[in-house]
Amino acid sequence: MKLYYIPGACSMAAHIVALETGIPLSFHKVDMSEKGKFVDGEDYANISPTSLVPTLILDDGTKLTEAAVIMQYLAAQVPEKNLAPDEGMLHWRLLEVLNFLSTEVHKNFTPLFNPSLQADARQLFEDLLKKRLSYLAENMIGQSGYLVGDDYTIADAYLFTLLGWAQFQKIDLGFAPALGEYAGRIGSRPAVIQALKDEGLA
């Protein structure tokens, strides 16, 4: 299998999960320029149907896109690691958290990467993000220190990646100290450390 990523993008969550699973696959960096996205000189549009990351290509050539889908697929290959609970209420909680991260956090970060975003619009998105992240800290990160149940799951890889965006955008997490503690804890996992190194971020 092949996983295509852009350093620091949402694809890092899939990168982390891939390393957590231990599944043999190759990682391929997508380079961005004014001319587009390329992988070793090849137009990324020829590789990915959406030209977005991540893209996972299975051994039979099947292509999967969307970070949440790819993470679930990878986790399903090693069910014994319980990276994505597939039974009972924990399964539904996982889907709930993944959906919240995708639609309420990820979505509201995206405009901040637009250099032409006006200051008042930026402030609006930052305020909204702080509300969403505060909700996560107060209601979703349990006493276990994880988002779903008592163990690390793919949702934690996703939130860790998004919290990295907060740091990049210079959003002080002081409004929710639990998030800083959470990021430090998740960031100490070997797979996370390796993914950061692989992507040139550590």
C-alpha atoms as a PDB file:
ATOM      1  CA  MET A   1       0.000   0.000   0.000  1.00  0.00           C
ATOM      2  CA  LYS A   2       0.993   3.602  -0.588  1.00  0.00           C
ATOM      3  CA  LEU A   3       0.041   6.639   1.482  1.00  0.00           C
ATOM      4  CA  TYR A   4       0.385  10.121   0.001  1.00  0.00           C
ATOM      5  CA  TYR A   5       0.776  13.071   2.343  1.00  0.00           C
ATOM      6  CA  ILE A   6       1.676  16.747   2.632  1.00  0.00           C
ATOM      7  CA  PRO A   7       3.782  17.530   5.729  1.00  0.00           C
ATOM      8  CA  GLY A   8       1.633  18.821   8.571  1.00  0.00           C
ATOM      9  CA  ALA A   9      -1.641  18.504   6.664  1.00  0.00           C
ATOM     10  CA  CYS A  10      -4.580  16.388   7.832  1.00  0.00           C
ATOM     11  CA  SER A  11      -2.824  13.486   6.133  1.00  0.00           C
ATOM     12  CA  MET A  12      -0.483  13.395   9.126  1.00  0.00           C
ATOM     13  CA  ALA A  13      -3.280  11.799  11.143  1.00  0.00           C
ATOM     14  CA  ALA A  14      -3.397   8.931   8.645  1.00  0.00           C
ATOM     15  CA  HIS A  15       0.414   8.794   8.663  1.00  0.00           C
ATOM     16  CA  ILE A  16       0.379   8.399  12.452  1.00  0.00           C
ATOM     17  CA  VAL A  17      -2.289   5.697  12.341  1.00  0.00           C
ATOM     18  CA  ALA A  18      -0.411   3.811   9.622  1.00  0.00           C
ATOM     19  CA  LEU A  19       2.652   3.711  11.866  1.00  0.00           C
ATOM     20  CA  GLU A  20       0.543   2.677  14.854  1.00  0.00           C
ATOM     21  CA  THR A  21      -0.783  -0.314  12.924  1.00  0.00           C
ATOM     22  CA  GLY A  22       2.621  -1.568  11.851  1.00  0.00           C
ATOM     23  CA  ILE A  23       1.200  -2.419   8.429  1.00  0.00           C
ATOM     24  CA  PRO A  24       3.903  -2.448   5.734  1.00  0.00           C
ATOM     25  CA  LEU A  25       3.295   0.434   3.347  1.00  0.00           C
ATOM     26  CA  SER A  26       5.265   3.189   1.684  1.00  0.00           C
ATOM     27  CA  PHE A  27       4.906   6.904   2.349  1.00  0.00           C
ATOM     28  CA  HIS A  28       5.063   9.423  -0.474  1.00  0.00           C
ATOM     29  CA  LYS A  29       5.439  13.165   0.031  1.00  0.00           C
ATOM     30  CA  VAL A  30       3.374  15.477  -2.154  1.00  0.00           C
ATOM     31  CA  ASP A  31       5.238  18.680  -3.002  1.00  0.00           C
ATOM     32  CA  MET A  32       3.287  21.899  -3.534  1.00  0.00           C
ATOM     33  CA  SER A  33       4.290  24.747  -5.822  1.00  0.00           C
ATOM     34  CA  GLU A  34       2.654  27.548  -7.781  1.00  0.00           C
ATOM     35  CA  LYS A  35       2.311  25.074 -10.640  1.00  0.00           C
ATOM     36  CA  GLY A  36       0.413  22.519  -8.566  1.00  0.00           C
ATOM     37  CA  LYS A  37       1.063  19.383  -6.560  1.00  0.00           C
ATOM     38  CA  PHE A  38       3.675  16.851  -7.600  1.00  0.00           C
ATOM     39  CA  VAL A  39       5.157  13.553  -6.433  1.00  0.00           C
ATOM     40  CA  ASP A  40       8.660  12.986  -7.774  1.00  0.00           C
ATOM     41  CA  GLY A  41       7.813  15.207 -10.731  1.00  0.00           C
ATOM     42  CA  GLU A  42       4.497  13.512 -11.514  1.00  0.00           C
ATOM     43  CA  ASP A  43       1.313  15.561 -11.357  1.00  0.00           C
ATOM     44  CA  TYR A  44      -0.505  14.456  -8.208  1.00  0.00           C
ATOM     45  CA  ALA A  45      -3.807  14.814 -10.070  1.00  0.00           C
ATOM     46  CA  ASN A  46      -2.801  11.675 -11.993  1.00  0.00           C
ATOM     47  CA  ILE A  47      -2.492   9.792  -8.701  1.00  0.00           C
ATOM     48  CA  SER A  48      -5.366  11.075  -6.597  1.00  0.00           C
ATOM     49  CA  PRO A  49      -8.917  11.477  -7.922  1.00  0.00           C
ATOM     50  CA  THR A  50      -9.395  14.596  -5.755  1.00  0.00           C
ATOM     51  CA  SER A  51      -5.839  16.007  -5.792  1.00  0.00           C
ATOM     52  CA  LEU A  52      -6.201  16.207  -2.007  1.00  0.00           C
ATOM     53  CA  VAL A  53      -4.321  14.417   0.750  1.00  0.00           C
ATOM     54  CA  PRO A  54      -4.303  11.862   2.104  1.00  0.00           C
ATOM     55  CA  THR A  55      -4.752   9.254  -0.582  1.00  0.00           C
ATOM     56  CA  LEU A  56      -4.228   5.571   0.153  1.00  0.00           C
ATOM     57  CA  ILE A  57      -3.618   3.192  -2.738  1.00  0.00           C
ATOM     58  CA  LEU A  58      -4.223  -0.447  -1.889  1.00  0.00           C
ATOM     59  CA  ASP A  59      -2.181  -3.289  -3.318  1.00  0.00           C
ATOM     60  CA  ASP A  60      -4.898  -4.010  -5.897  1.00  0.00           C
ATOM     61  CA  GLY A  61      -4.891  -0.391  -7.064  1.00  0.00           C
ATOM     62  CA  THR A  62      -8.038   0.671  -5.224  1.00  0.00           C
ATOM     63  CA  LYS A  63      -7.828   4.287  -4.061  1.00  0.00           C
ATOM     64  CA  LEU A  64      -9.236   5.667  -0.825  1.00  0.00           C
ATOM     65  CA  THR A  65      -9.413   9.335   0.126  1.00  0.00           C
ATOM     66  CA  GLU A  66     -10.480  11.337   3.208  1.00  0.00           C
ATOM     67  CA  ALA A  67      -8.434  11.095   6.395  1.00  0.00           C
ATOM     68  CA  ALA A  68     -11.239   9.735   8.584  1.00  0.00           C
ATOM     69  CA  VAL A  69     -12.006   6.955   6.095  1.00  0.00           C
ATOM     70  CA  ILE A  70      -8.364   5.990   5.588  1.00  0.00           C
ATOM     71  CA  MET A  71      -7.725   5.899   9.336  1.00  0.00           C
ATOM     72  CA  GLN A  72     -10.707   3.604   9.848  1.00  0.00           C
ATOM     73  CA  TYR A  73      -9.610   1.341   7.006  1.00  0.00           C
ATOM     74  CA  LEU A  74      -6.082   1.020   8.378  1.00  0.00           C
ATOM     75  CA  ALA A  75      -7.335   0.388  11.907  1.00  0.00           C
ATOM     76  CA  ALA A  76      -9.670  -2.334  10.628  1.00  0.00           C
ATOM     77  CA  GLN A  77      -6.671  -4.270   9.282  1.00  0.00           C
ATOM     78  CA  VAL A  78      -5.393  -4.791  12.841  1.00  0.00           C
ATOM     79  CA  PRO A  79      -8.553  -5.086  14.980  1.00  0.00           C
ATOM     80  CA  GLU A  80      -6.539  -6.527  17.853  1.00  0.00           C
ATOM     81  CA  LYS A  81      -5.012  -3.084  18.445  1.00  0.00           C
ATOM     82  CA  ASN A  82      -8.479  -1.583  19.002  1.00  0.00           C
ATOM     83  CA  LEU A  83      -7.541   1.670  17.287  1.00  0.00           C
ATOM     84  CA  ALA A  84     -11.132   2.027  16.062  1.00  0.00           C
ATOM     85  CA  PRO A  85     -13.697   0.248  18.266  1.00  0.00           C
ATOM     86  CA  ASP A  86     -16.246  -1.430  16.000  1.00  0.00           C
ATOM     87  CA  GLU A  87     -18.807  -2.623  18.541  1.00  0.00           C
ATOM     88  CA  GLY A  88     -21.145  -1.137  21.110  1.00  0.00           C
ATOM     89  CA  MET A  89     -21.397   2.485  22.179  1.00  0.00           C
ATOM     90  CA  LEU A  90     -17.647   3.070  21.776  1.00  0.00           C
ATOM     91  CA  HIS A  91     -18.084   2.578  18.029  1.00  0.00           C
ATOM     92  CA  TRP A  92     -20.732   5.289  17.885  1.00  0.00           C
ATOM     93  CA  ARG A  93     -18.707   7.576  20.126  1.00  0.00           C
ATOM     94  CA  LEU A  94     -15.769   7.203  17.771  1.00  0.00           C
ATOM     95  CA  LEU A  95     -17.901   8.185  14.787  1.00  0.00           C
ATOM     96  CA  GLU A  96     -19.349  11.082  16.775  1.00  0.00           C
ATOM     97  CA  VAL A  97     -15.898  12.428  17.630  1.00  0.00           C
ATOM     98  CA  LEU A  98     -14.506  11.925  14.114  1.00  0.00           C
ATOM     99  CA  ASN A  99     -17.470  13.793  12.668  1.00  0.00           C
ATOM    100  CA  PHE A 100     -17.092  16.628  15.185  1.00  0.00           C
ATOM    101  CA  LEU A 101     -13.391  16.955  14.435  1.00  0.00           C
ATOM    102  CA  SER A 102     -14.019  16.983  10.700  1.00  0.00           C
ATOM    103  CA  THR A 103     -17.000  19.336  10.536  1.00  0.00           C
ATOM    104  CA  GLU A 104     -16.514  21.604  13.545  1.00  0.00           C
ATOM    105  CA  VAL A 105     -12.748  21.833  13.988  1.00  0.00           C
ATOM    106  CA  HIS A 106     -10.977  20.900  10.745  1.00  0.00           C
ATOM    107  CA  LYS A 107     -13.454  22.876   8.635  1.00  0.00           C
ATOM    108  CA  ASN A 108     -12.994  26.042  10.677  1.00  0.00           C
ATOM    109  CA  PHE A 109      -9.203  25.853  10.567  1.00  0.00           C
ATOM    110  CA  THR A 110      -9.103  25.761   6.765  1.00  0.00           C
ATOM    111  CA  PRO A 111      -9.845  29.480   6.139  1.00  0.00           C
ATOM    112  CA  LEU A 112      -6.947  30.468   8.414  1.00  0.00           C
ATOM    113  CA  PHE A 113      -4.505  29.094   5.847  1.00  0.00           C
ATOM    114  CA  ASN A 114      -5.771  31.609   3.277  1.00  0.00           C
ATOM    115  CA  PRO A 115      -3.250  34.492   3.283  1.00  0.00           C
ATOM    116  CA  SER A 116      -5.874  36.900   1.934  1.00  0.00           C
ATOM    117  CA  LEU A 117      -8.294  36.293   4.813  1.00  0.00           C
ATOM    118  CA  GLN A 118      -9.347  39.609   6.337  1.00  0.00           C
ATOM    119  CA  ALA A 119      -8.511  40.279   9.988  1.00  0.00           C
ATOM    120  CA  ASP A 120     -12.138  40.414  11.121  1.00  0.00           C
ATOM    121  CA  ALA A 121     -12.931  37.128   9.391  1.00  0.00           C
ATOM    122  CA  ARG A 122      -9.848  35.552  10.922  1.00  0.00           C
ATOM    123  CA  GLN A 123     -10.957  36.650  14.373  1.00  0.00           C
ATOM    124  CA  LEU A 124     -14.392  35.138  13.763  1.00  0.00           C
ATOM    125  CA  PHE A 125     -12.911  31.751  12.865  1.00  0.00           C
ATOM    126  CA  GLU A 126     -10.445  31.847  15.753  1.00  0.00           C
ATOM    127  CA  ASP A 127     -13.245  32.588  18.222  1.00  0.00           C
ATOM    128  CA  LEU A 128     -15.330  29.770  16.797  1.00  0.00           C
ATOM    129  CA  LEU A 129     -12.392  27.377  16.999  1.00  0.00           C
ATOM    130  CA  LYS A 130     -11.802  28.278  20.624  1.00  0.00           C
ATOM    131  CA  LYS A 131     -15.430  27.434  21.408  1.00  0.00           C
ATOM    132  CA  ARG A 132     -15.172  24.093  19.636  1.00  0.00           C
ATOM    133  CA  LEU A 133     -11.823  23.224  21.212  1.00  0.00           C
ATOM    134  CA  SER A 134     -13.082  24.245  24.651  1.00  0.00           C
ATOM    135  CA  TYR A 135     -16.012  21.894  24.165  1.00  0.00           C
ATOM    136  CA  LEU A 136     -13.597  19.089  23.318  1.00  0.00           C
ATOM    137  CA  ALA A 137     -11.502  19.769  26.394  1.00  0.00           C
ATOM    138  CA  GLU A 138     -14.495  19.949  28.708  1.00  0.00           C
ATOM    139  CA  ASN A 139     -16.751  17.238  27.300  1.00  0.00           C
ATOM    140  CA  MET A 140     -14.869  14.800  25.080  1.00  0.00           C
ATOM    141  CA  ILE A 141     -11.457  14.256  26.628  1.00  0.00           C
ATOM    142  CA  GLY A 142     -12.356  11.945  29.476  1.00  0.00           C
ATOM    143  CA  GLN A 143     -10.586  11.078  32.700  1.00  0.00           C
ATOM    144  CA  SER A 144      -8.617   8.510  30.726  1.00  0.00           C
ATOM    145  CA  GLY A 145      -6.998  11.353  28.794  1.00  0.00           C
ATOM    146  CA  TYR A 146      -8.323  10.041  25.473  1.00  0.00           C
ATOM    147  CA  LEU A 147     -11.250  11.013  23.271  1.00  0.00           C
ATOM    148  CA  VAL A 148     -12.997   7.654  23.076  1.00  0.00           C
ATOM    149  CA  GLY A 149     -13.149   5.326  26.051  1.00  0.00           C
ATOM    150  CA  ASP A 150     -10.072   4.444  28.050  1.00  0.00           C
ATOM    151  CA  ASP A 151      -7.625   3.880  25.209  1.00  0.00           C
ATOM    152  CA  TYR A 152      -5.893   5.680  22.364  1.00  0.00           C
ATOM    153  CA  THR A 153      -7.815   5.613  19.075  1.00  0.00           C
ATOM    154  CA  ILE A 154      -7.585   7.082  15.608  1.00  0.00           C
ATOM    155  CA  ALA A 155      -9.543  10.092  16.903  1.00  0.00           C
ATOM    156  CA  ASP A 156      -6.570  11.038  19.062  1.00  0.00           C
ATOM    157  CA  ALA A 157      -4.271  11.014  16.028  1.00  0.00           C
ATOM    158  CA  TYR A 158      -6.706  13.354  14.285  1.00  0.00           C
ATOM    159  CA  LEU A 159      -7.028  15.820  17.174  1.00  0.00           C
ATOM    160  CA  PHE A 160      -3.262  15.861  17.720  1.00  0.00           C
ATOM    161  CA  THR A 161      -2.815  16.861  14.082  1.00  0.00           C
ATOM    162  CA  LEU A 162      -5.387  19.649  14.374  1.00  0.00           C
ATOM    163  CA  LEU A 163      -3.799  20.970  17.555  1.00  0.00           C
ATOM    164  CA  GLY A 164      -0.578  21.241  15.580  1.00  0.00           C
ATOM    165  CA  TRP A 165      -2.426  23.619  13.285  1.00  0.00           C
ATOM    166  CA  ALA A 166      -3.346  25.758  16.284  1.00  0.00           C
ATOM    167  CA  GLN A 167       0.336  26.060  17.106  1.00  0.00           C
ATOM    168  CA  PHE A 168       1.179  26.894  13.482  1.00  0.00           C
ATOM    169  CA  GLN A 169      -1.520  29.578  13.432  1.00  0.00           C
ATOM    170  CA  LYS A 170      -0.257  30.959  16.762  1.00  0.00           C
ATOM    171  CA  ILE A 171      -3.522  30.250  18.570  1.00  0.00           C
ATOM    172  CA  ASP A 172      -2.656  30.141  22.263  1.00  0.00           C
ATOM    173  CA  LEU A 173      -4.267  27.104  23.900  1.00  0.00           C
ATOM    174  CA  GLY A 174      -4.161  28.790  27.289  1.00  0.00           C
ATOM    175  CA  PHE A 175      -7.963  29.043  27.182  1.00  0.00           C
ATOM    176  CA  ALA A 176      -8.078  25.242  27.616  1.00  0.00           C
ATOM    177  CA  PRO A 177      -4.933  24.013  29.440  1.00  0.00           C
ATOM    178  CA  ALA A 178      -6.124  20.416  29.165  1.00  0.00           C
ATOM    179  CA  LEU A 179      -5.477  20.564  25.428  1.00  0.00           C
ATOM    180  CA  GLY A 180      -1.813  21.417  25.897  1.00  0.00           C
ATOM    181  CA  GLU A 181      -1.420  18.542  28.336  1.00  0.00           C
ATOM    182  CA  TYR A 182      -3.265  16.261  25.935  1.00  0.00           C
ATOM    183  CA  ALA A 183      -1.063  17.240  22.979  1.00  0.00           C
ATOM    184  CA  GLY A 184       2.058  16.606  25.020  1.00  0.00           C
ATOM    185  CA  ARG A 185       0.861  13.166  26.042  1.00  0.00           C
ATOM    186  CA  ILE A 186      -0.205  12.077  22.560  1.00  0.00           C
ATOM    187  CA  GLY A 187       2.938  13.618  21.103  1.00  0.00           C
ATOM    188  CA  SER A 188       5.099  11.298  23.189  1.00  0.00           C
ATOM    189  CA  ARG A 189       3.850   8.184  21.409  1.00  0.00           C
ATOM    190  CA  PRO A 190       6.540   6.535  19.243  1.00  0.00           C
ATOM    191  CA  ALA A 191       4.344   6.544  16.129  1.00  0.00           C
ATOM    192  CA  VAL A 192       3.647  10.259  16.515  1.00  0.00           C
ATOM    193  CA  ILE A 193       7.320  11.055  17.044  1.00  0.00           C
ATOM    194  CA  GLN A 194       8.224   9.028  13.945  1.00  0.00           C
ATOM    195  CA  ALA A 195       5.542  10.676  11.795  1.00  0.00           C
ATOM    196  CA  LEU A 196       6.763  14.131  12.799  1.00  0.00           C
ATOM    197  CA  LYS A 197      10.327  13.138  11.899  1.00  0.00           C
ATOM    198  CA  ASP A 198       9.240  11.616   8.592  1.00  0.00           C
ATOM    199  CA  GLU A 199       7.447  14.831   7.662  1.00  0.00           C
ATOM    200  CA  GLY A 200      10.339  17.064   8.673  1.00  0.00           C
ATOM    201  CA  LEU A 201       8.438  18.608  11.569  1.00  0.00           C
ATOM    202  CA  ALA A 202      10.681  17.451  14.411  1.00  0.00           C
END
